[in-house]
C-alpha cells in the first residue's frame, strides 16, 4: 500500500479531532451563547482527497461502483461516510488493507 494512501486514510480518521467553537452575544438577554461541533467540511474534503488518491492507483471494481450508486446523488455527510466505507472495502478486496485481530499478551 502506498504511503500516501495510508496518510489519506489517517487524515480522514483524524478529521474529527478538530473542534470548532462558535460564540454569539445576545445583548437583549445579557448572555453569551456558545456551541462546539466537529467540522464536517474538513471530513468531506479529506474523503475526497482519499478518493482521488485511491482512484489514481486502483481501478474501481463493480462492487465499488454499486456501493457508490447506492449512496445516491445527495452529497451530504452521510454520502461521504458511505463513500469512505466503499473505498476501504475496495482496498480490502484487493489486499491493500488487512484487519488484524488485536494482540493478546498471552501470545508473547
Protein backbone atom coordinates (compact mmCIF):
# COMPACT_ATOMS: atom_id res chain seq x y z
CA UNK A 1 0.00 0.00 0.00
CA UNK A 2 1.23 3.41 -0.92
CA UNK A 3 2.23 5.64 1.98
CA UNK A 4 0.15 8.45 0.51
CA UNK A 5 -2.99 6.32 0.76
CA UNK A 6 -2.28 5.42 4.38
CA UNK A 7 -1.74 9.08 5.22
CA UNK A 8 -5.00 9.99 3.47
CA UNK A 9 -6.85 7.31 5.48
CA UNK A 10 -5.39 8.61 8.73
CA UNK A 11 -6.31 12.16 7.76
CA UNK A 12 -9.93 11.11 7.26
CA UNK A 13 -9.96 9.35 10.62
CA UNK A 14 -8.42 12.36 12.35
CA UNK A 15 -10.79 14.85 10.70
CA UNK A 16 -12.96 14.85 13.80
CA UNK A 17 -10.07 15.66 16.15
CA UNK A 18 -10.59 19.33 15.37
CA UNK A 19 -13.43 21.10 17.12
CA UNK A 20 -14.94 24.39 16.00
CA UNK A 21 -16.39 26.74 18.55
CA UNK A 22 -19.00 29.39 17.87
CA UNK A 23 -19.96 32.14 20.26
CA UNK A 24 -22.73 34.67 19.94
CA UNK A 25 -23.51 37.60 22.17
CA UNK A 26 -27.22 38.19 22.83
CA UNK A 27 -27.35 41.75 24.23
CA UNK A 28 -31.10 41.78 24.92
CA UNK A 29 -30.77 38.84 27.30
CA UNK A 30 -27.30 39.76 28.54
CA UNK A 31 -25.89 36.32 27.81
CA UNK A 32 -23.33 34.79 25.53
CA UNK A 33 -24.29 31.58 23.76
CA UNK A 34 -21.53 29.18 22.76
CA UNK A 35 -21.58 25.92 20.85
CA UNK A 36 -18.99 23.44 19.65
CA UNK A 37 -19.15 20.98 16.79
CA UNK A 38 -16.93 18.85 14.60
CA UNK A 39 -16.21 20.47 11.23
CA UNK A 40 -17.92 18.31 8.61
CA UNK A 41 -16.33 20.21 5.73
CA UNK A 42 -12.87 19.01 6.79
CA UNK A 43 -14.08 15.38 6.84
CA UNK A 44 -15.69 15.75 3.40
CA UNK A 45 -12.59 17.35 1.93
CA UNK A 46 -10.35 14.60 3.27
CA UNK A 47 -12.60 11.84 1.92
CA UNK A 48 -12.46 13.50 -1.49
CA UNK A 49 -8.65 13.58 -1.35
CA UNK A 50 -8.62 9.91 -0.33
CA UNK A 51 -10.91 9.04 -3.24
CA UNK A 52 -8.69 10.93 -5.71
CA UNK A 53 -5.57 9.22 -4.35
CA UNK A 54 -7.01 5.70 -4.40
CA UNK A 55 -8.59 6.06 -7.83
CA UNK A 56 -5.24 7.20 -9.23
CA UNK A 57 -3.64 3.86 -8.31
CA UNK A 58 -6.59 1.44 -8.19
CA UNK A 59 -9.29 0.89 -10.79
CA UNK A 60 -12.80 0.75 -9.33
CA UNK A 61 -14.46 -2.68 -9.50
CA UNK A 62 -18.16 -3.42 -9.92
CA UNK A 63 -18.90 -3.82 -6.15
CA UNK A 64 -17.36 -0.38 -5.55
CA UNK A 65 -19.39 1.19 -8.35
CA UNK A 66 -22.57 -0.46 -6.98
CA UNK A 67 -21.82 0.87 -3.48
CA UNK A 68 -21.36 4.38 -4.84
CA UNK A 69 -24.59 4.16 -6.86
CA UNK A 70 -26.50 3.12 -3.71
CA UNK A 71 -25.36 6.31 -1.99
CA UNK A 72 -27.47 8.43 -4.33
CA UNK A 73 -26.85 11.97 -5.53
CA UNK A 74 -27.16 13.84 -2.24
CA UNK A 75 -23.61 14.96 -1.42
CA UNK A 76 -24.08 15.33 2.34
CA UNK A 77 -22.14 13.97 5.30
CA UNK A 78 -23.83 10.55 5.09
CA UNK A 79 -22.84 10.25 1.43
CA UNK A 80 -19.18 10.78 2.29
CA UNK A 81 -19.32 8.33 5.21
CA UNK A 82 -20.65 5.73 2.76
CA UNK A 83 -18.01 6.67 0.19
CA UNK A 84 -15.28 6.25 2.81
CA UNK A 85 -16.67 2.81 3.68
CA UNK A 86 -16.80 1.84 -0.03
CA UNK A 87 -13.18 2.93 -0.54
CA UNK A 88 -12.00 0.88 2.45
CA UNK A 89 -13.90 -2.17 1.18
CA UNK A 90 -12.33 -1.73 -2.27
CA UNK A 91 -8.86 -1.61 -0.73
CA UNK A 92 -9.67 -4.63 1.45
CA UNK A 93 -10.94 -6.69 -1.51
CA UNK A 94 -7.70 -6.01 -3.38
CA UNK A 95 -5.50 -6.95 -0.43
CA UNK A 96 -4.28 -3.47 0.42
CA UNK A 97 -5.95 -3.28 3.84
CA UNK A 98 -5.92 -6.11 6.36
CA UNK A 99 -7.82 -6.12 9.59
CA UNK A 100 -5.73 -7.96 12.11
CA UNK A 101 -7.09 -9.03 15.49
CA UNK A 102 -5.58 -7.28 18.49
CA UNK A 103 -2.53 -8.88 20.01
CA UNK A 104 -3.00 -10.91 23.13
CA UNK A 105 -0.36 -10.60 25.84
CA UNK A 106 -0.59 -14.37 26.34
CA UNK A 107 0.74 -14.86 22.78
CA UNK A 108 4.10 -13.29 23.65
